[in-house]
Amino acid sequence: MIDTAGPDLVRPLRRALPRLRWATGLDGTLAGPVTRGGRLVVTELHGMLTETMRGVVVTPGMGAGGKALQLGRPVVVNDYLRATTISHVYDHKLIQEQTHGLVAVPVHVGREVRALLYGAARTTEPLGDRVLDAAARVAAGVGRELVVEYEVARRLQMVEELQRRKEPRRTVDLREIHDELVSIAEATSDEPLRDRLHVLCERLGPSSGPGAMAVPHLTGRELQVLVEVAQGRTNNEVAEQLAVMPTTVKTYLKNVMRKLGTHNRTETVHAARRAGLVG
């Protein structure tokens, strides 16, 4: 059976915290998913002084995070301990963290808040629009990643259900599931998830036959490079986009060409499109 564990919300949140800290310039960041009961559980920390916030349960309306959950929009508090617009049930924990200012930004999947990102400041400098805008951009990116996670979980559940019922392959439209999983793989920047999807796609792919083209398995990085090249970017531009060296991009591209049996960039992009690897 295929492992169809629920959507992985922790990994995208953990990866987002360094980005959030860098983008906002704040001293520490933390995050957590929202439970089915509508409460937040803080699971991820980055740059915090202690572990005191890990495992904290935030209910709607309580503290800055609870207010963000309740309103479904970002909340900024510049002087947390003296603020009159929030409750102060978490003050003792923020005192341990020497937190002065706090921004709490909800992560939306559709209309629902599925997670929350926090940024903490230990200085008295006000948290202005630049910090809020940067945090909102990071949260929007996490939201897109969570959309992928939920869709992957849904599609894997469909496959498991079909396998559990043991329906003959000819009566099940696995091609549609295969094509959608390929599309999801192209959309995500999560390399482990992308590799997982391509392994699954190989298992669900149509049987070889006249005119059928085998879809090679590309690693997450190889596919990232291929997608960028298909958009017309040079090796240097791809390197800058992926934060790697141009020589590394060249190596990945050579690996892709070898797997696709092509000899130049144009042939590679055309072959990749025929194979459904890029749009």
C-alpha atoms as a PDB file:
ATOM      1  CA  MET A   1       0.000   0.000   0.000  1.00  0.00           C
ATOM      2  CA  ILE A   2       1.046   3.588  -0.577  1.00  0.00           C
ATOM      3  CA  ASP A   3       1.673   5.588   2.564  1.00  0.00           C
ATOM      4  CA  THR A   4      -1.093   8.186   2.717  1.00  0.00           C
ATOM      5  CA  ALA A   5      -0.323  10.036   5.901  1.00  0.00           C
ATOM      6  CA  GLY A   6      -2.089  13.378   6.161  1.00  0.00           C
ATOM      7  CA  PRO A   7      -0.641  16.589   4.793  1.00  0.00           C
ATOM      8  CA  ASP A   8       2.789  17.492   6.165  1.00  0.00           C
ATOM      9  CA  LEU A   9       2.301  20.937   7.681  1.00  0.00           C
ATOM     10  CA  VAL A  10       5.353  20.944   9.921  1.00  0.00           C
ATOM     11  CA  ARG A  11       8.053  20.775   7.255  1.00  0.00           C
ATOM     12  CA  PRO A  12       6.864  23.839   5.266  1.00  0.00           C
ATOM     13  CA  LEU A  13       6.572  25.806   8.509  1.00  0.00           C
ATOM     14  CA  ARG A  14      10.034  24.789   9.683  1.00  0.00           C
ATOM     15  CA  ARG A  15      11.571  25.788   6.352  1.00  0.00           C
ATOM     16  CA  ALA A  16       9.734  29.123   6.391  1.00  0.00           C
ATOM     17  CA  LEU A  17      11.112  30.375   9.711  1.00  0.00           C
ATOM     18  CA  PRO A  18      14.654  31.228   8.514  1.00  0.00           C
ATOM     19  CA  ARG A  19      13.106  32.983   5.499  1.00  0.00           C
ATOM     20  CA  LEU A  20      10.775  34.923   7.764  1.00  0.00           C
ATOM     21  CA  ARG A  21      13.602  35.965  10.068  1.00  0.00           C
ATOM     22  CA  TRP A  22      15.778  37.068   7.159  1.00  0.00           C
ATOM     23  CA  ALA A  23      12.976  38.907   5.348  1.00  0.00           C
ATOM     24  CA  THR A  24      11.783  40.836   8.403  1.00  0.00           C
ATOM     25  CA  GLY A  25      15.099  41.301  10.227  1.00  0.00           C
ATOM     26  CA  LEU A  26      13.427  40.209  13.475  1.00  0.00           C
ATOM     27  CA  ASP A  27      15.272  38.446  16.283  1.00  0.00           C
ATOM     28  CA  GLY A  28      13.284  35.233  16.406  1.00  0.00           C
ATOM     29  CA  THR A  29      10.492  33.417  14.597  1.00  0.00           C
ATOM     30  CA  LEU A  30       8.070  30.657  15.501  1.00  0.00           C
ATOM     31  CA  ALA A  31       5.142  28.862  13.921  1.00  0.00           C
ATOM     32  CA  GLY A  32       2.603  26.122  14.307  1.00  0.00           C
ATOM     33  CA  PRO A  33      -0.339  24.460  12.578  1.00  0.00           C
ATOM     34  CA  VAL A  34      -3.963  25.033  13.484  1.00  0.00           C
ATOM     35  CA  THR A  35      -5.734  21.962  14.865  1.00  0.00           C
ATOM     36  CA  ARG A  36      -9.169  20.770  13.841  1.00  0.00           C
ATOM     37  CA  GLY A  37     -10.518  22.453  16.948  1.00  0.00           C
ATOM     38  CA  GLY A  38      -9.302  25.821  15.673  1.00  0.00           C
ATOM     39  CA  ARG A  39      -6.448  26.175  18.163  1.00  0.00           C
ATOM     40  CA  LEU A  40      -2.802  26.742  17.311  1.00  0.00           C
ATOM     41  CA  VAL A  41       0.014  24.621  18.691  1.00  0.00           C
ATOM     42  CA  VAL A  42       3.477  26.189  18.442  1.00  0.00           C
ATOM     43  CA  THR A  43       5.781  23.463  17.098  1.00  0.00           C
ATOM     44  CA  GLU A  44       8.644  25.293  15.338  1.00  0.00           C
ATOM     45  CA  LEU A  45      11.157  27.824  16.678  1.00  0.00           C
ATOM     46  CA  HIS A  46      14.044  29.683  15.053  1.00  0.00           C
ATOM     47  CA  GLY A  47      16.357  32.181  16.727  1.00  0.00           C
ATOM     48  CA  MET A  48      14.485  32.082  20.039  1.00  0.00           C
ATOM     49  CA  LEU A  49      16.393  32.300  23.318  1.00  0.00           C
ATOM     50  CA  THR A  50      14.637  29.390  25.039  1.00  0.00           C
ATOM     51  CA  GLU A  51      12.285  26.494  24.338  1.00  0.00           C
ATOM     52  CA  THR A  52       9.543  28.041  26.451  1.00  0.00           C
ATOM     53  CA  MET A  53       7.231  28.709  23.501  1.00  0.00           C
ATOM     54  CA  ARG A  54       7.384  25.185  22.087  1.00  0.00           C
ATOM     55  CA  GLY A  55       4.139  23.363  22.681  1.00  0.00           C
ATOM     56  CA  VAL A  56       2.203  26.494  23.638  1.00  0.00           C
ATOM     57  CA  VAL A  57      -1.482  26.188  22.742  1.00  0.00           C
ATOM     58  CA  VAL A  58      -3.050  29.399  21.436  1.00  0.00           C
ATOM     59  CA  THR A  59      -6.819  29.717  21.343  1.00  0.00           C
ATOM     60  CA  PRO A  60      -8.707  32.263  19.210  1.00  0.00           C
ATOM     61  CA  GLY A  61      -8.773  35.669  20.847  1.00  0.00           C
ATOM     62  CA  MET A  62      -5.923  34.971  23.255  1.00  0.00           C
ATOM     63  CA  GLY A  63      -2.747  37.039  22.777  1.00  0.00           C
ATOM     64  CA  ALA A  64      -1.563  38.449  19.460  1.00  0.00           C
ATOM     65  CA  GLY A  65      -1.653  35.045  17.792  1.00  0.00           C
ATOM     66  CA  GLY A  66      -5.130  34.270  19.058  1.00  0.00           C
ATOM     67  CA  LYS A  67      -6.325  37.626  17.779  1.00  0.00           C
ATOM     68  CA  ALA A  68      -4.811  36.877  14.354  1.00  0.00           C
ATOM     69  CA  LEU A  69      -6.601  33.512  14.385  1.00  0.00           C
ATOM     70  CA  GLN A  70      -9.856  35.155  15.325  1.00  0.00           C
ATOM     71  CA  LEU A  71      -9.653  37.930  12.742  1.00  0.00           C
ATOM     72  CA  GLY A  72      -7.940  35.931   9.999  1.00  0.00           C
ATOM     73  CA  ARG A  73      -5.477  38.748   9.356  1.00  0.00           C
ATOM     74  CA  PRO A  74      -2.040  39.868  10.599  1.00  0.00           C
ATOM     75  CA  VAL A  75      -1.705  41.455  14.026  1.00  0.00           C
ATOM     76  CA  VAL A  76       1.217  43.685  15.026  1.00  0.00           C
ATOM     77  CA  VAL A  77       1.974  44.635  18.628  1.00  0.00           C
ATOM     78  CA  ASN A  78       4.863  47.044  19.177  1.00  0.00           C
ATOM     79  CA  ASP A  79       4.967  47.019  22.982  1.00  0.00           C
ATOM     80  CA  TYR A  80       3.539  43.641  23.901  1.00  0.00           C
ATOM     81  CA  LEU A  81       3.622  43.855  27.693  1.00  0.00           C
ATOM     82  CA  ARG A  82       1.853  47.243  27.756  1.00  0.00           C
ATOM     83  CA  ALA A  83      -0.542  46.695  24.863  1.00  0.00           C
ATOM     84  CA  THR A  84      -4.246  47.233  25.620  1.00  0.00           C
ATOM     85  CA  THR A  85      -5.546  45.612  22.443  1.00  0.00           C
ATOM     86  CA  ILE A  86      -4.665  42.015  23.377  1.00  0.00           C
ATOM     87  CA  SER A  87      -5.025  39.660  26.330  1.00  0.00           C
ATOM     88  CA  HIS A  88      -1.878  38.935  28.325  1.00  0.00           C
ATOM     89  CA  VAL A  89      -2.109  35.223  29.110  1.00  0.00           C
ATOM     90  CA  TYR A  90       1.296  34.537  27.523  1.00  0.00           C
ATOM     91  CA  ASP A  91       3.217  37.454  29.066  1.00  0.00           C
ATOM     92  CA  HIS A  92       5.305  35.247  31.368  1.00  0.00           C
ATOM     93  CA  LYS A  93       6.633  33.299  28.393  1.00  0.00           C
ATOM     94  CA  LEU A  94       7.414  36.383  26.340  1.00  0.00           C
ATOM     95  CA  ILE A  95       9.242  37.890  29.308  1.00  0.00           C
ATOM     96  CA  GLN A  96      11.545  34.866  29.276  1.00  0.00           C
ATOM     97  CA  GLU A  97      12.144  35.519  25.579  1.00  0.00           C
ATOM     98  CA  GLN A  98      12.799  39.219  26.208  1.00  0.00           C
ATOM     99  CA  THR A  99      10.205  39.984  23.544  1.00  0.00           C
ATOM    100  CA  HIS A 100       9.152  43.582  23.045  1.00  0.00           C
ATOM    101  CA  GLY A 101       7.348  43.552  19.694  1.00  0.00           C
ATOM    102  CA  LEU A 102       5.457  40.737  18.011  1.00  0.00           C
ATOM    103  CA  VAL A 103       3.872  40.165  14.620  1.00  0.00           C
ATOM    104  CA  ALA A 104       1.473  37.264  14.053  1.00  0.00           C
ATOM    105  CA  VAL A 105       0.499  36.381  10.482  1.00  0.00           C
ATOM    106  CA  PRO A 106      -2.069  33.704   9.551  1.00  0.00           C
ATOM    107  CA  VAL A 107      -1.346  31.249   6.754  1.00  0.00           C
ATOM    108  CA  HIS A 108      -4.425  30.691   4.617  1.00  0.00           C
ATOM    109  CA  VAL A 109      -5.369  27.656   2.578  1.00  0.00           C
ATOM    110  CA  GLY A 110      -8.402  28.835   0.687  1.00  0.00           C
ATOM    111  CA  ARG A 111     -10.525  30.679   3.225  1.00  0.00           C
ATOM    112  CA  GLU A 112      -9.278  28.734   6.218  1.00  0.00           C
ATOM    113  CA  VAL A 113      -6.375  29.611   8.500  1.00  0.00           C
ATOM    114  CA  ARG A 114      -4.238  26.473   8.678  1.00  0.00           C
ATOM    115  CA  ALA A 115      -1.121  27.832  10.407  1.00  0.00           C
ATOM    116  CA  LEU A 116       0.371  30.903  12.007  1.00  0.00           C
ATOM    117  CA  LEU A 117       3.773  32.563  11.687  1.00  0.00           C
ATOM    118  CA  TYR A 118       5.228  34.799  14.388  1.00  0.00           C
ATOM    119  CA  GLY A 119       8.132  37.219  14.357  1.00  0.00           C
ATOM    120  CA  ALA A 120       9.553  38.488  17.647  1.00  0.00           C
ATOM    121  CA  ALA A 121      11.607  41.638  18.252  1.00  0.00           C
ATOM    122  CA  ARG A 122      13.742  42.218  21.337  1.00  0.00           C
ATOM    123  CA  THR A 123      14.250  45.920  20.612  1.00  0.00           C
ATOM    124  CA  THR A 124      11.876  48.854  21.040  1.00  0.00           C
ATOM    125  CA  GLU A 125      12.000  49.787  17.355  1.00  0.00           C
ATOM    126  CA  PRO A 126       8.428  49.848  15.985  1.00  0.00           C
ATOM    127  CA  LEU A 127       7.413  47.109  13.597  1.00  0.00           C
ATOM    128  CA  GLY A 128       6.397  49.076  10.529  1.00  0.00           C
ATOM    129  CA  ASP A 129       4.831  48.270   7.178  1.00  0.00           C
ATOM    130  CA  ARG A 130       8.099  46.840   5.831  1.00  0.00           C
ATOM    131  CA  VAL A 131       8.107  44.103   8.470  1.00  0.00           C
ATOM    132  CA  LEU A 132       4.419  43.373   8.005  1.00  0.00           C
ATOM    133  CA  ASP A 133       4.660  43.243   4.210  1.00  0.00           C
ATOM    134  CA  ALA A 134       7.677  40.926   4.354  1.00  0.00           C
ATOM    135  CA  ALA A 135       5.950  38.611   6.828  1.00  0.00           C
ATOM    136  CA  ALA A 136       2.795  38.557   4.695  1.00  0.00           C
ATOM    137  CA  ARG A 137       4.812  37.545   1.616  1.00  0.00           C
ATOM    138  CA  VAL A 138       6.431  34.659   3.476  1.00  0.00           C
ATOM    139  CA  ALA A 139       3.039  33.548   4.822  1.00  0.00           C
ATOM    140  CA  ALA A 140       1.564  33.629   1.314  1.00  0.00           C
ATOM    141  CA  GLY A 141       4.398  31.399   0.086  1.00  0.00           C
ATOM    142  CA  VAL A 142       3.795  28.941   2.911  1.00  0.00           C
ATOM    143  CA  GLY A 143       0.107  28.955   2.039  1.00  0.00           C
ATOM    144  CA  ARG A 144       0.920  27.895  -1.503  1.00  0.00           C
ATOM    145  CA  GLU A 145       3.090  25.066  -0.194  1.00  0.00           C
ATOM    146  CA  LEU A 146       0.309  23.889   2.114  1.00  0.00           C
ATOM    147  CA  VAL A 147      -2.136  23.856  -0.794  1.00  0.00           C
ATOM    148  CA  VAL A 148       0.230  21.402  -2.493  1.00  0.00           C
ATOM    149  CA  GLU A 149       0.517  19.283   0.660  1.00  0.00           C
ATOM    150  CA  TYR A 150      -3.255  19.020   1.029  1.00  0.00           C
ATOM    151  CA  GLU A 151      -3.718  18.160  -2.633  1.00  0.00           C
ATOM    152  CA  VAL A 152      -1.019  15.501  -2.495  1.00  0.00           C
ATOM    153  CA  ALA A 153      -2.613  13.952   0.590  1.00  0.00           C
ATOM    154  CA  ARG A 154      -6.000  13.941  -1.129  1.00  0.00           C
ATOM    155  CA  ARG A 155      -4.665  12.330  -4.284  1.00  0.00           C
ATOM    156  CA  LEU A 156      -2.701   9.694  -2.374  1.00  0.00           C
ATOM    157  CA  GLN A 157      -5.820   8.867  -0.393  1.00  0.00           C
ATOM    158  CA  MET A 158      -7.685   8.359  -3.665  1.00  0.00           C
ATOM    159  CA  VAL A 159      -5.020   5.948  -4.888  1.00  0.00           C
ATOM    160  CA  GLU A 160      -5.056   4.012  -1.624  1.00  0.00           C
ATOM    161  CA  GLU A 161      -8.823   3.746  -1.744  1.00  0.00           C
ATOM    162  CA  LEU A 162      -8.686   2.384  -5.285  1.00  0.00           C
ATOM    163  CA  GLN A 163      -6.063  -0.149  -4.259  1.00  0.00           C
ATOM    164  CA  ARG A 164      -8.006  -1.128  -1.161  1.00  0.00           C
ATOM    165  CA  ARG A 165     -11.078  -1.857  -3.254  1.00  0.00           C
ATOM    166  CA  LYS A 166      -8.836  -3.841  -5.637  1.00  0.00           C
ATOM    167  CA  GLU A 167     -10.618  -2.518  -8.711  1.00  0.00           C
ATOM    168  CA  PRO A 168      -9.173  -3.651 -12.050  1.00  0.00           C
ATOM    169  CA  ARG A 169      -6.765  -1.089 -13.482  1.00  0.00           C
ATOM    170  CA  ARG A 170      -8.749  -0.809 -16.681  1.00  0.00           C
ATOM    171  CA  THR A 171     -11.819   0.502 -14.777  1.00  0.00           C
ATOM    172  CA  VAL A 172      -9.896   3.199 -12.931  1.00  0.00           C
ATOM    173  CA  ASP A 173      -8.733   6.428 -14.488  1.00  0.00           C
ATOM    174  CA  LEU A 174      -5.281   6.464 -12.909  1.00  0.00           C
ATOM    175  CA  ARG A 175      -3.979   8.541 -15.812  1.00  0.00           C
ATOM    176  CA  GLU A 176      -5.823  11.592 -14.484  1.00  0.00           C
ATOM    177  CA  ILE A 177      -4.309  11.094 -11.034  1.00  0.00           C
ATOM    178  CA  HIS A 178      -0.866  10.609 -12.577  1.00  0.00           C
ATOM    179  CA  ASP A 179      -1.117  13.825 -14.611  1.00  0.00           C
ATOM    180  CA  GLU A 180      -2.285  15.881 -11.661  1.00  0.00           C
ATOM    181  CA  LEU A 181       0.518  14.575  -9.451  1.00  0.00           C
ATOM    182  CA  VAL A 182       3.040  15.548 -12.135  1.00  0.00           C
ATOM    183  CA  SER A 183       1.534  19.047 -12.175  1.00  0.00           C
ATOM    184  CA  ILE A 184       1.790  19.292  -8.408  1.00  0.00           C
ATOM    185  CA  ALA A 185       5.413  18.166  -8.532  1.00  0.00           C
ATOM    186  CA  GLU A 186       6.196  20.939 -10.985  1.00  0.00           C
ATOM    187  CA  ALA A 187       4.536  23.533  -8.754  1.00  0.00           C
ATOM    188  CA  THR A 188       6.260  22.722  -5.478  1.00  0.00           C
ATOM    189  CA  SER A 189       9.677  23.963  -4.383  1.00  0.00           C
ATOM    190  CA  ASP A 190       9.884  21.250  -1.725  1.00  0.00           C
ATOM    191  CA  GLU A 191      12.582  18.905  -3.020  1.00  0.00           C
ATOM    192  CA  PRO A 192      11.784  15.824  -0.838  1.00  0.00           C
ATOM    193  CA  LEU A 193       8.091  16.158  -1.692  1.00  0.00           C
ATOM    194  CA  ARG A 194       8.905  16.498  -5.376  1.00  0.00           C
ATOM    195  CA  ASP A 195      11.037  13.336  -5.335  1.00  0.00           C
ATOM    196  CA  ARG A 196       8.277  11.487  -3.504  1.00  0.00           C
ATOM    197  CA  LEU A 197       5.759  12.560  -6.120  1.00  0.00           C
ATOM    198  CA  HIS A 198       7.908  11.476  -9.035  1.00  0.00           C
ATOM    199  CA  VAL A 199       8.460   8.038  -7.531  1.00  0.00           C
ATOM    200  CA  LEU A 200       4.702   7.721  -7.172  1.00  0.00           C
ATOM    201  CA  CYS A 201       4.150   8.974 -10.722  1.00  0.00           C
ATOM    202  CA  GLU A 202       6.443   6.261 -12.044  1.00  0.00           C
ATOM    203  CA  ARG A 203       4.257   3.662 -10.301  1.00  0.00           C
ATOM    204  CA  LEU A 204       1.056   5.189 -11.682  1.00  0.00           C
ATOM    205  CA  GLY A 205       2.366   5.998 -15.159  1.00  0.00           C
ATOM    206  CA  PRO A 206       0.747   4.455 -18.223  1.00  0.00           C
ATOM    207  CA  SER A 207       2.139   1.197 -19.517  1.00  0.00           C
ATOM    208  CA  SER A 208       4.631   1.399 -22.329  1.00  0.00           C
ATOM    209  CA  GLY A 209       3.210   0.984 -25.780  1.00  0.00           C
ATOM    210  CA  PRO A 210       3.422   2.294 -29.319  1.00  0.00           C
ATOM    211  CA  GLY A 211       4.077   6.008 -29.177  1.00  0.00           C
ATOM    212  CA  ALA A 212       4.393   6.011 -25.387  1.00  0.00           C
ATOM    213  CA  MET A 213       7.284   7.958 -23.993  1.00  0.00           C
ATOM    214  CA  ALA A 214       8.910   6.802 -20.793  1.00  0.00           C
ATOM    215  CA  VAL A 215       9.005   9.537 -18.159  1.00  0.00           C
ATOM    216  CA  PRO A 216      12.439   9.539 -16.526  1.00  0.00           C
ATOM    217  CA  HIS A 217      12.758  10.080 -12.809  1.00  0.00           C
ATOM    218  CA  LEU A 218      14.411  13.400 -12.050  1.00  0.00           C
ATOM    219  CA  THR A 219      15.582  14.465  -8.642  1.00  0.00           C
ATOM    220  CA  GLY A 220      13.995  17.507  -7.068  1.00  0.00           C
ATOM    221  CA  ARG A 221      16.922  19.760  -7.961  1.00  0.00           C
ATOM    222  CA  GLU A 222      17.094  18.435 -11.537  1.00  0.00           C
ATOM    223  CA  LEU A 223      13.418  19.232 -12.022  1.00  0.00           C
ATOM    224  CA  GLN A 224      13.833  22.681 -10.477  1.00  0.00           C
ATOM    225  CA  VAL A 225      16.622  23.445 -12.944  1.00  0.00           C
ATOM    226  CA  LEU A 226      14.574  22.051 -15.830  1.00  0.00           C
ATOM    227  CA  VAL A 227      11.568  24.208 -14.948  1.00  0.00           C
ATOM    228  CA  GLU A 228      13.738  27.327 -14.798  1.00  0.00           C
ATOM    229  CA  VAL A 229      15.439  26.500 -18.113  1.00  0.00           C
ATOM    230  CA  ALA A 230      12.041  25.893 -19.724  1.00  0.00           C
ATOM    231  CA  GLN A 231      11.143  29.461 -18.768  1.00  0.00           C
ATOM    232  CA  GLY A 232      14.093  30.710 -20.834  1.00  0.00           C
ATOM    233  CA  ARG A 233      16.496  31.507 -18.011  1.00  0.00           C
ATOM    234  CA  THR A 234      20.261  31.251 -18.451  1.00  0.00           C
ATOM    235  CA  ASN A 235      22.451  29.127 -16.196  1.00  0.00           C
ATOM    236  CA  ASN A 236      23.499  32.214 -14.270  1.00  0.00           C
ATOM    237  CA  GLU A 237      19.897  33.296 -13.779  1.00  0.00           C
ATOM    238  CA  VAL A 238      18.909  29.810 -12.648  1.00  0.00           C
ATOM    239  CA  ALA A 239      21.848  29.750 -10.235  1.00  0.00           C
ATOM    240  CA  GLU A 240      20.750  33.054  -8.725  1.00  0.00           C
ATOM    241  CA  GLN A 241      17.150  31.870  -8.461  1.00  0.00           C
ATOM    242  CA  LEU A 242      18.081  28.613  -6.703  1.00  0.00           C
ATOM    243  CA  ALA A 243      20.986  30.046  -4.678  1.00  0.00           C
ATOM    244  CA  VAL A 244      23.569  27.659  -6.153  1.00  0.00           C
ATOM    245  CA  MET A 245      26.671  28.001  -8.317  1.00  0.00           C
ATOM    246  CA  PRO A 246      26.327  28.196 -12.136  1.00  0.00           C
ATOM    247  CA  THR A 247      28.555  25.123 -12.413  1.00  0.00           C
ATOM    248  CA  THR A 248      26.088  23.240 -10.225  1.00  0.00           C
ATOM    249  CA  VAL A 249      23.243  24.236 -12.536  1.00  0.00           C
ATOM    250  CA  LYS A 250      25.287  23.010 -15.506  1.00  0.00           C
ATOM    251  CA  THR A 251      25.809  19.643 -13.816  1.00  0.00           C
ATOM    252  CA  TYR A 252      22.101  19.228 -13.075  1.00  0.00           C
ATOM    253  CA  LEU A 253      21.228  20.173 -16.649  1.00  0.00           C
ATOM    254  CA  LYS A 254      23.691  17.608 -18.016  1.00  0.00           C
ATOM    255  CA  ASN A 255      22.040  14.955 -15.846  1.00  0.00           C
ATOM    256  CA  VAL A 256      18.633  15.922 -17.216  1.00  0.00           C
ATOM    257  CA  MET A 257      19.896  15.751 -20.803  1.00  0.00           C
ATOM    258  CA  ARG A 258      21.352  12.309 -20.157  1.00  0.00           C
ATOM    259  CA  LYS A 259      18.075  11.038 -18.740  1.00  0.00           C
ATOM    260  CA  LEU A 260      16.032  12.537 -21.581  1.00  0.00           C
ATOM    261  CA  GLY A 261      18.520  11.526 -24.269  1.00  0.00           C
ATOM    262  CA  THR A 262      18.901  15.087 -25.554  1.00  0.00           C
ATOM    263  CA  HIS A 263      21.926  17.135 -26.596  1.00  0.00           C
ATOM    264  CA  ASN A 264      21.036  20.801 -26.121  1.00  0.00           C
ATOM    265  CA  ARG A 265      18.704  23.067 -24.188  1.00  0.00           C
ATOM    266  CA  THR A 266      16.064  23.327 -26.911  1.00  0.00           C
ATOM    267  CA  GLU A 267      15.828  19.563 -27.387  1.00  0.00           C
ATOM    268  CA  THR A 268      15.690  19.133 -23.623  1.00  0.00           C
ATOM    269  CA  VAL A 269      12.795  21.525 -23.129  1.00  0.00           C
ATOM    270  CA  HIS A 270      10.815  19.963 -26.000  1.00  0.00           C
ATOM    271  CA  ALA A 271      11.427  16.445 -24.668  1.00  0.00           C
ATOM    272  CA  ALA A 272      10.488  17.511 -21.154  1.00  0.00           C
ATOM    273  CA  ARG A 273       7.217  18.977 -22.403  1.00  0.00           C
ATOM    274  CA  ARG A 274       6.387  15.833 -24.352  1.00  0.00           C
ATOM    275  CA  ALA A 275       7.049  13.809 -21.200  1.00  0.00           C
ATOM    276  CA  GLY A 276       4.833  16.100 -19.118  1.00  0.00           C
ATOM    277  CA  LEU A 277       7.694  17.239 -16.895  1.00  0.00           C
ATOM    278  CA  VAL A 278       7.149  20.935 -17.614  1.00  0.00           C
ATOM    279  CA  GLY A 279       4.270  22.948 -18.979  1.00  0.00           C
END
